[in-house]
Amino acid sequence: SSAMAYKRNPMRSERIASLSRYVMIDALN
């Protein structure tokens, strides 16, 4: 985190969720 130096955010897992959401919605196209 740019503000909270102690944090260990699960950013890769969050990116998996983010891209997965895109693919699931994209399947409607």
PDB file of all heavy atoms in Angstrom:
ATOM      1  N   SER A   1       0.850  -1.189   0.000  1.00  0.00           N
ATOM      2  CA  SER A   1       0.000   0.000   0.000  1.00  0.00           C
ATOM      3  C   SER A   1       0.885   1.237   0.000  1.00  0.00           C
ATOM      4  O   SER A   1       1.913   1.276   0.677  1.00  0.00           O
ATOM      5  CB  SER A   1      -0.914   0.009   1.232  1.00  0.00           C
ATOM      6  OG  SER A   1      -1.517   1.273   1.408  1.00  0.00           O
ATOM      7  N   SER A   2       0.465   2.249  -0.769  1.00  0.00           N
ATOM      8  CA  SER A   2       1.246   3.483  -0.813  1.00  0.00           C
ATOM      9  C   SER A   2       1.157   4.254   0.498  1.00  0.00           C
ATOM     10  O   SER A   2       2.021   5.061   0.820  1.00  0.00           O
ATOM     11  CB  SER A   2       0.756   4.372  -1.964  1.00  0.00           C
ATOM     12  OG  SER A   2      -0.599   4.731  -1.758  1.00  0.00           O
ATOM     13  N   ALA A   3       0.093   4.003   1.286  1.00  0.00           N
ATOM     14  CA  ALA A   3      -0.090   4.719   2.555  1.00  0.00           C
ATOM     15  C   ALA A   3       0.271   3.847   3.755  1.00  0.00           C
ATOM     16  O   ALA A   3       0.937   4.297   4.684  1.00  0.00           O
ATOM     17  CB  ALA A   3      -1.536   5.184   2.672  1.00  0.00           C
ATOM     18  N   MET A   4      -0.188   2.571   3.708  1.00  0.00           N
ATOM     19  CA  MET A   4      -0.010   1.686   4.869  1.00  0.00           C
ATOM     20  C   MET A   4       1.137   0.723   4.595  1.00  0.00           C
ATOM     21  O   MET A   4       0.957  -0.318   3.953  1.00  0.00           O
ATOM     22  CB  MET A   4      -1.317   0.942   5.134  1.00  0.00           C
ATOM     23  CG  MET A   4      -2.454   1.878   5.536  1.00  0.00           C
ATOM     24  SD  MET A   4      -4.090   1.102   5.495  1.00  0.00           S
ATOM     25  CE  MET A   4      -4.460   1.195   3.732  1.00  0.00           C
ATOM     26  N   ALA A   5       2.303   1.057   5.068  1.00  0.00           N
ATOM     27  CA  ALA A   5       3.527   0.334   4.708  1.00  0.00           C
ATOM     28  C   ALA A   5       3.540  -1.108   5.204  1.00  0.00           C
ATOM     29  O   ALA A   5       4.275  -1.944   4.674  1.00  0.00           O
ATOM     30  CB  ALA A   5       4.744   1.086   5.254  1.00  0.00           C
ATOM     31  N   TYR A   6       2.738  -1.410   6.215  1.00  0.00           N
ATOM     32  CA  TYR A   6       2.739  -2.748   6.798  1.00  0.00           C
ATOM     33  C   TYR A   6       1.945  -3.754   5.975  1.00  0.00           C
ATOM     34  O   TYR A   6       2.028  -4.959   6.202  1.00  0.00           O
ATOM     35  CB  TYR A   6       2.146  -2.696   8.213  1.00  0.00           C
ATOM     36  CG  TYR A   6       0.709  -2.234   8.235  1.00  0.00           C
ATOM     37  CD1 TYR A   6      -0.338  -3.141   8.097  1.00  0.00           C
ATOM     38  CD2 TYR A   6       0.397  -0.884   8.381  1.00  0.00           C
ATOM     39  CE1 TYR A   6      -1.658  -2.717   8.097  1.00  0.00           C
ATOM     40  CE2 TYR A   6      -0.920  -0.446   8.391  1.00  0.00           C
ATOM     41  CZ  TYR A   6      -1.933  -1.357   8.252  1.00  0.00           C
ATOM     42  OH  TYR A   6      -3.240  -0.932   8.253  1.00  0.00           O
ATOM     43  N   LYS A   7       1.160  -3.290   5.004  1.00  0.00           N
ATOM     44  CA  LYS A   7       0.171  -4.154   4.360  1.00  0.00           C
ATOM     45  C   LYS A   7       0.786  -5.151   3.381  1.00  0.00           C
ATOM     46  O   LYS A   7       1.759  -4.865   2.700  1.00  0.00           O
ATOM     47  CB  LYS A   7      -0.881  -3.312   3.622  1.00  0.00           C
ATOM     48  CG  LYS A   7      -1.759  -2.490   4.554  1.00  0.00           C
ATOM     49  CD  LYS A   7      -3.015  -2.013   3.858  1.00  0.00           C
ATOM     50  CE  LYS A   7      -4.023  -3.128   3.746  1.00  0.00           C
ATOM     51  NZ  LYS A   7      -5.272  -2.681   3.111  1.00  0.00           N
ATOM     52  N   ARG A   8       0.141  -6.343   3.334  1.00  0.00           N
ATOM     53  CA  ARG A   8       0.503  -7.382   2.366  1.00  0.00           C
ATOM     54  C   ARG A   8      -0.762  -7.735   1.586  1.00  0.00           C
ATOM     55  O   ARG A   8      -1.401  -8.750   1.828  1.00  0.00           O
ATOM     56  CB  ARG A   8       1.058  -8.609   3.087  1.00  0.00           C
ATOM     57  CG  ARG A   8       2.395  -8.393   3.765  1.00  0.00           C
ATOM     58  CD  ARG A   8       2.715  -9.554   4.701  1.00  0.00           C
ATOM     59  NE  ARG A   8       2.897 -10.806   3.972  1.00  0.00           N
ATOM     60  CZ  ARG A   8       4.085 -11.324   3.638  1.00  0.00           C
ATOM     61  NH1 ARG A   8       5.194 -10.680   3.964  1.00  0.00           N
ATOM     62  NH2 ARG A   8       4.173 -12.469   2.994  1.00  0.00           N
ATOM     63  N   ASN A   9      -1.148  -6.842   0.688  1.00  0.00           N
ATOM     64  CA  ASN A   9      -2.390  -7.034  -0.047  1.00  0.00           C
ATOM     65  C   ASN A   9      -2.283  -8.221  -1.012  1.00  0.00           C
ATOM     66  O   ASN A   9      -1.244  -8.399  -1.664  1.00  0.00           O
ATOM     67  CB  ASN A   9      -2.741  -5.774  -0.838  1.00  0.00           C
ATOM     68  CG  ASN A   9      -3.021  -4.593   0.062  1.00  0.00           C
ATOM     69  OD1 ASN A   9      -3.366  -4.772   1.224  1.00  0.00           O
ATOM     70  ND2 ASN A   9      -2.856  -3.386  -0.452  1.00  0.00           N
ATOM     71  N   PRO A  10      -3.351  -9.003  -1.151  1.00  0.00           N
ATOM     72  CA  PRO A  10      -3.343 -10.147  -2.075  1.00  0.00           C
ATOM     73  C   PRO A  10      -3.584  -9.696  -3.514  1.00  0.00           C
ATOM     74  O   PRO A  10      -4.562 -10.087  -4.157  1.00  0.00           O
ATOM     75  CB  PRO A  10      -4.483 -11.012  -1.545  1.00  0.00           C
ATOM     76  CG  PRO A  10      -5.450 -10.028  -0.983  1.00  0.00           C
ATOM     77  CD  PRO A  10      -4.614  -8.914  -0.399  1.00  0.00           C
ATOM     78  N   MET A  11      -2.686  -8.889  -4.050  1.00  0.00           N
ATOM     79  CA  MET A  11      -2.948  -8.219  -5.328  1.00  0.00           C
ATOM     80  C   MET A  11      -3.011  -9.199  -6.503  1.00  0.00           C
ATOM     81  O   MET A  11      -3.746  -8.963  -7.455  1.00  0.00           O
ATOM     82  CB  MET A  11      -1.890  -7.133  -5.590  1.00  0.00           C
ATOM     83  CG  MET A  11      -0.435  -7.540  -5.421  1.00  0.00           C
ATOM     84  SD  MET A  11       0.286  -8.385  -6.853  1.00  0.00           S
ATOM     85  CE  MET A  11       0.338  -7.053  -8.030  1.00  0.00           C
ATOM     86  N   ARG A  12      -2.277 -10.289  -6.447  1.00  0.00           N
ATOM     87  CA  ARG A  12      -2.327 -11.232  -7.571  1.00  0.00           C
ATOM     88  C   ARG A  12      -3.659 -11.981  -7.585  1.00  0.00           C
ATOM     89  O   ARG A  12      -4.254 -12.195  -8.646  1.00  0.00           O
ATOM     90  CB  ARG A  12      -1.152 -12.198  -7.497  1.00  0.00           C
ATOM     91  CG  ARG A  12       0.190 -11.484  -7.631  1.00  0.00           C
ATOM     92  CD  ARG A  12       1.373 -12.405  -7.530  1.00  0.00           C
ATOM     93  NE  ARG A  12       2.546 -11.638  -7.082  1.00  0.00           N
ATOM     94  CZ  ARG A  12       3.762 -12.111  -7.004  1.00  0.00           C
ATOM     95  NH1 ARG A  12       4.016 -13.361  -7.335  1.00  0.00           N
ATOM     96  NH2 ARG A  12       4.759 -11.352  -6.582  1.00  0.00           N
ATOM     97  N   SER A  13      -4.099 -12.361  -6.403  1.00  0.00           N
ATOM     98  CA  SER A  13      -5.419 -13.007  -6.322  1.00  0.00           C
ATOM     99  C   SER A  13      -6.516 -12.038  -6.735  1.00  0.00           C
ATOM    100  O   SER A  13      -7.489 -12.428  -7.397  1.00  0.00           O
ATOM    101  CB  SER A  13      -5.667 -13.499  -4.898  1.00  0.00           C
ATOM    102  OG  SER A  13      -4.689 -14.441  -4.520  1.00  0.00           O
ATOM    103  N   GLU A  14      -6.367 -10.798  -6.358  1.00  0.00           N
ATOM    104  CA  GLU A  14      -7.351  -9.791  -6.761  1.00  0.00           C
ATOM    105  C   GLU A  14      -7.350  -9.608  -8.278  1.00  0.00           C
ATOM    106  O   GLU A  14      -8.397  -9.425  -8.896  1.00  0.00           O
ATOM    107  CB  GLU A  14      -7.052  -8.466  -6.058  1.00  0.00           C
ATOM    108  CG  GLU A  14      -7.360  -8.508  -4.568  1.00  0.00           C
ATOM    109  CD  GLU A  14      -6.871  -7.284  -3.810  1.00  0.00           C
ATOM    110  OE1 GLU A  14      -5.823  -6.711  -4.179  1.00  0.00           O
ATOM    111  OE2 GLU A  14      -7.536  -6.896  -2.842  1.00  0.00           O
ATOM    112  N   ARG A  15      -6.182  -9.685  -8.882  1.00  0.00           N
ATOM    113  CA  ARG A  15      -6.107  -9.556 -10.339  1.00  0.00           C
ATOM    114  C   ARG A  15      -6.723 -10.766 -11.025  1.00  0.00           C
ATOM    115  O   ARG A  15      -7.370 -10.641 -12.075  1.00  0.00           O
ATOM    116  CB  ARG A  15      -4.657  -9.371 -10.789  1.00  0.00           C
ATOM    117  CG  ARG A  15      -4.536  -9.035 -12.279  1.00  0.00           C
ATOM    118  CD  ARG A  15      -3.100  -8.809 -12.697  1.00  0.00           C
ATOM    119  NE  ARG A  15      -2.512  -7.710 -11.945  1.00  0.00           N
ATOM    120  CZ  ARG A  15      -1.199  -7.506 -11.844  1.00  0.00           C
ATOM    121  NH1 ARG A  15      -0.358  -8.344 -12.423  1.00  0.00           N
ATOM    122  NH2 ARG A  15      -0.738  -6.487 -11.168  1.00  0.00           N
ATOM    123  N   ILE A  16      -6.534 -11.949 -10.435  1.00  0.00           N
ATOM    124  CA  ILE A  16      -7.208 -13.138 -10.972  1.00  0.00           C
ATOM    125  C   ILE A  16      -8.716 -12.912 -10.979  1.00  0.00           C
ATOM    126  O   ILE A  16      -9.399 -13.174 -11.980  1.00  0.00           O
ATOM    127  CB  ILE A  16      -6.859 -14.386 -10.137  1.00  0.00           C
ATOM    128  CG1 ILE A  16      -5.398 -14.801 -10.354  1.00  0.00           C
ATOM    129  CG2 ILE A  16      -7.788 -15.554 -10.503  1.00  0.00           C
ATOM    130  CD1 ILE A  16      -4.922 -15.919  -9.431  1.00  0.00           C
ATOM    131  N   ALA A  17      -9.238 -12.416  -9.862  1.00  0.00           N
ATOM    132  CA  ALA A  17     -10.681 -12.169  -9.768  1.00  0.00           C
ATOM    133  C   ALA A  17     -11.125 -11.125 -10.786  1.00  0.00           C
ATOM    134  O   ALA A  17     -12.164 -11.274 -11.440  1.00  0.00           O
ATOM    135  CB  ALA A  17     -11.035 -11.711  -8.352  1.00  0.00           C
ATOM    136  N   SER A  18     -10.327 -10.095 -10.938  1.00  0.00           N
ATOM    137  CA  SER A  18     -10.683  -9.004 -11.847  1.00  0.00           C
ATOM    138  C   SER A  18     -10.722  -9.469 -13.297  1.00  0.00           C
ATOM    139  O   SER A  18     -11.690  -9.219 -14.027  1.00  0.00           O
ATOM    140  CB  SER A  18      -9.676  -7.864 -11.672  1.00  0.00           C
ATOM    141  OG  SER A  18     -10.029  -6.756 -12.455  1.00  0.00           O
ATOM    142  N   LEU A  19      -9.678 -10.168 -13.735  1.00  0.00           N
ATOM    143  CA  LEU A  19      -9.633 -10.659 -15.109  1.00  0.00           C
ATOM    144  C   LEU A  19     -10.676 -11.749 -15.338  1.00  0.00           C
ATOM    145  O   LEU A  19     -11.263 -11.839 -16.425  1.00  0.00           O
ATOM    146  CB  LEU A  19      -8.235 -11.185 -15.435  1.00  0.00           C
ATOM    147  CG  LEU A  19      -7.123 -10.134 -15.558  1.00  0.00           C
ATOM    148  CD1 LEU A  19      -5.761 -10.810 -15.714  1.00  0.00           C
ATOM    149  CD2 LEU A  19      -7.381  -9.199 -16.739  1.00  0.00           C
ATOM    150  N   SER A  20     -10.913 -12.571 -14.326  1.00  0.00           N
ATOM    151  CA  SER A  20     -11.927 -13.629 -14.451  1.00  0.00           C
ATOM    152  C   SER A  20     -13.307 -13.033 -14.679  1.00  0.00           C
ATOM    153  O   SER A  20     -14.096 -13.531 -15.491  1.00  0.00           O
ATOM    154  CB  SER A  20     -11.939 -14.502 -13.199  1.00  0.00           C
ATOM    155  OG  SER A  20     -10.720 -15.201 -13.058  1.00  0.00           O
ATOM    156  N   ARG A  21     -13.600 -11.974 -13.966  1.00  0.00           N
ATOM    157  CA  ARG A  21     -14.882 -11.292 -14.140  1.00  0.00           C
ATOM    158  C   ARG A  21     -15.021 -10.811 -15.589  1.00  0.00           C
ATOM    159  O   ARG A  21     -16.093 -10.912 -16.196  1.00  0.00           O
ATOM    160  CB  ARG A  21     -14.963 -10.117 -13.164  1.00  0.00           C
ATOM    161  CG  ARG A  21     -16.321  -9.462 -13.063  1.00  0.00           C
ATOM    162  CD  ARG A  21     -16.274  -8.345 -12.020  1.00  0.00           C
ATOM    163  NE  ARG A  21     -15.725  -8.809 -10.763  1.00  0.00           N
ATOM    164  CZ  ARG A  21     -14.845  -8.135 -10.031  1.00  0.00           C
ATOM    165  NH1 ARG A  21     -14.414  -6.947 -10.435  1.00  0.00           N
ATOM    166  NH2 ARG A  21     -14.409  -8.626  -8.891  1.00  0.00           N
ATOM    167  N   TYR A  22     -13.934 -10.308 -16.137  1.00  0.00           N
ATOM    168  CA  TYR A  22     -13.960  -9.830 -17.524  1.00  0.00           C
ATOM    169  C   TYR A  22     -14.279 -10.982 -18.485  1.00  0.00           C
ATOM    170  O   TYR A  22     -15.120 -10.837 -19.386  1.00  0.00           O
ATOM    171  CB  TYR A  22     -12.615  -9.201 -17.895  1.00  0.00           C
ATOM    172  CG  TYR A  22     -12.583  -8.713 -19.323  1.00  0.00           C
ATOM    173  CD1 TYR A  22     -13.090  -7.464 -19.666  1.00  0.00           C
ATOM    174  CD2 TYR A  22     -12.102  -9.524 -20.344  1.00  0.00           C
ATOM    175  CE1 TYR A  22     -13.101  -7.028 -20.983  1.00  0.00           C
ATOM    176  CE2 TYR A  22     -12.116  -9.097 -21.659  1.00  0.00           C
ATOM    177  CZ  TYR A  22     -12.608  -7.854 -21.977  1.00  0.00           C
ATOM    178  OH  TYR A  22     -12.634  -7.437 -23.279  1.00  0.00           O
ATOM    179  N   VAL A  23     -13.620 -12.122 -18.300  1.00  0.00           N
ATOM    180  CA  VAL A  23     -13.837 -13.251 -19.206  1.00  0.00           C
ATOM    181  C   VAL A  23     -15.262 -13.766 -19.103  1.00  0.00           C
ATOM    182  O   VAL A  23     -15.911 -14.058 -20.119  1.00  0.00           O
ATOM    183  CB  VAL A  23     -12.829 -14.385 -18.918  1.00  0.00           C
ATOM    184  CG1 VAL A  23     -13.134 -15.607 -19.782  1.00  0.00           C
ATOM    185  CG2 VAL A  23     -11.400 -13.908 -19.175  1.00  0.00           C
ATOM    186  N   MET A  24     -15.770 -13.887 -17.879  1.00  0.00           N
ATOM    187  CA  MET A  24     -17.126 -14.405 -17.710  1.00  0.00           C
ATOM    188  C   MET A  24     -18.165 -13.503 -18.371  1.00  0.00           C
ATOM    189  O   MET A  24     -19.117 -13.986 -18.994  1.00  0.00           O
ATOM    190  CB  MET A  24     -17.431 -14.584 -16.223  1.00  0.00           C
ATOM    191  CG  MET A  24     -16.697 -15.761 -15.593  1.00  0.00           C
ATOM    192  SD  MET A  24     -17.158 -16.040 -13.862  1.00  0.00           S
ATOM    193  CE  MET A  24     -16.081 -14.870 -13.025  1.00  0.00           C
ATOM    194  N   ILE A  25     -17.980 -12.210 -18.277  1.00  0.00           N
ATOM    195  CA  ILE A  25     -18.905 -11.279 -18.930  1.00  0.00           C
ATOM    196  C   ILE A  25     -18.665 -11.255 -20.443  1.00  0.00           C
ATOM    197  O   ILE A  25     -19.608 -11.197 -21.244  1.00  0.00           O
ATOM    198  CB  ILE A  25     -18.748  -9.861 -18.341  1.00  0.00           C
ATOM    199  CG1 ILE A  25     -19.119  -9.862 -16.851  1.00  0.00           C
ATOM    200  CG2 ILE A  25     -19.614  -8.859 -19.102  1.00  0.00           C
ATOM    201  CD1 ILE A  25     -20.518 -10.318 -16.546  1.00  0.00           C
ATOM    202  N   ASP A  26     -17.414 -11.350 -20.844  1.00  0.00           N
ATOM    203  CA  ASP A  26     -17.072 -11.336 -22.268  1.00  0.00           C
ATOM    204  C   ASP A  26     -17.707 -12.510 -23.013  1.00  0.00           C
ATOM    205  O   ASP A  26     -17.979 -12.419 -24.205  1.00  0.00           O
ATOM    206  CB  ASP A  26     -15.540 -11.372 -22.424  1.00  0.00           C
ATOM    207  CG  ASP A  26     -15.089 -11.222 -23.867  1.00  0.00           C
ATOM    208  OD1 ASP A  26     -15.576 -10.297 -24.553  1.00  0.00           O
ATOM    209  OD2 ASP A  26     -14.245 -12.020 -24.319  1.00  0.00           O
ATOM    210  N   ALA A  27     -17.952 -13.603 -22.294  1.00  0.00           N
ATOM    211  CA  ALA A  27     -18.563 -14.776 -22.932  1.00  0.00           C
ATOM    212  C   ALA A  27     -19.950 -14.478 -23.485  1.00  0.00           C
ATOM    213  O   ALA A  27     -20.462 -15.231 -24.330  1.00  0.00           O
ATOM    214  CB  ALA A  27     -18.629 -15.932 -21.934  1.00  0.00           C
ATOM    215  N   LEU A  28     -20.560 -13.385 -23.050  1.00  0.00           N
ATOM    216  CA  LEU A  28     -21.855 -13.001 -23.608  1.00  0.00           C
ATOM    217  C   LEU A  28     -21.730 -12.489 -25.040  1.00  0.00           C
ATOM    218  O   LEU A  28     -22.683 -12.567 -25.822  1.00  0.00           O
ATOM    219  CB  LEU A  28     -22.505 -11.919 -22.740  1.00  0.00           C
ATOM    220  CG  LEU A  28     -22.953 -12.340 -21.337  1.00  0.00           C
ATOM    221  CD1 LEU A  28     -23.403 -11.124 -20.544  1.00  0.00           C
ATOM    222  CD2 LEU A  28     -24.081 -13.359 -21.438  1.00  0.00           C
ATOM    223  N   ASN A  29     -20.574 -11.951 -25.386  1.00  0.00           N
ATOM    224  CA  ASN A  29     -20.401 -11.377 -26.728  1.00  0.00           C
ATOM    225  C   ASN A  29     -20.608 -12.392 -27.847  1.00  0.00           C
ATOM    226  O   ASN A  29     -21.415 -12.157 -28.755  1.00  0.00           O
ATOM    227  CB  ASN A  29     -19.020 -10.714 -26.832  1.00  0.00           C
ATOM    228  CG  ASN A  29     -19.018  -9.304 -26.307  1.00  0.00           C
ATOM    229  OD1 ASN A  29     -19.713  -8.438 -26.815  1.00  0.00           O
ATOM    230  ND2 ASN A  29     -18.235  -9.058 -25.269  1.00  0.00           N
TER     231      ASN A  29
END
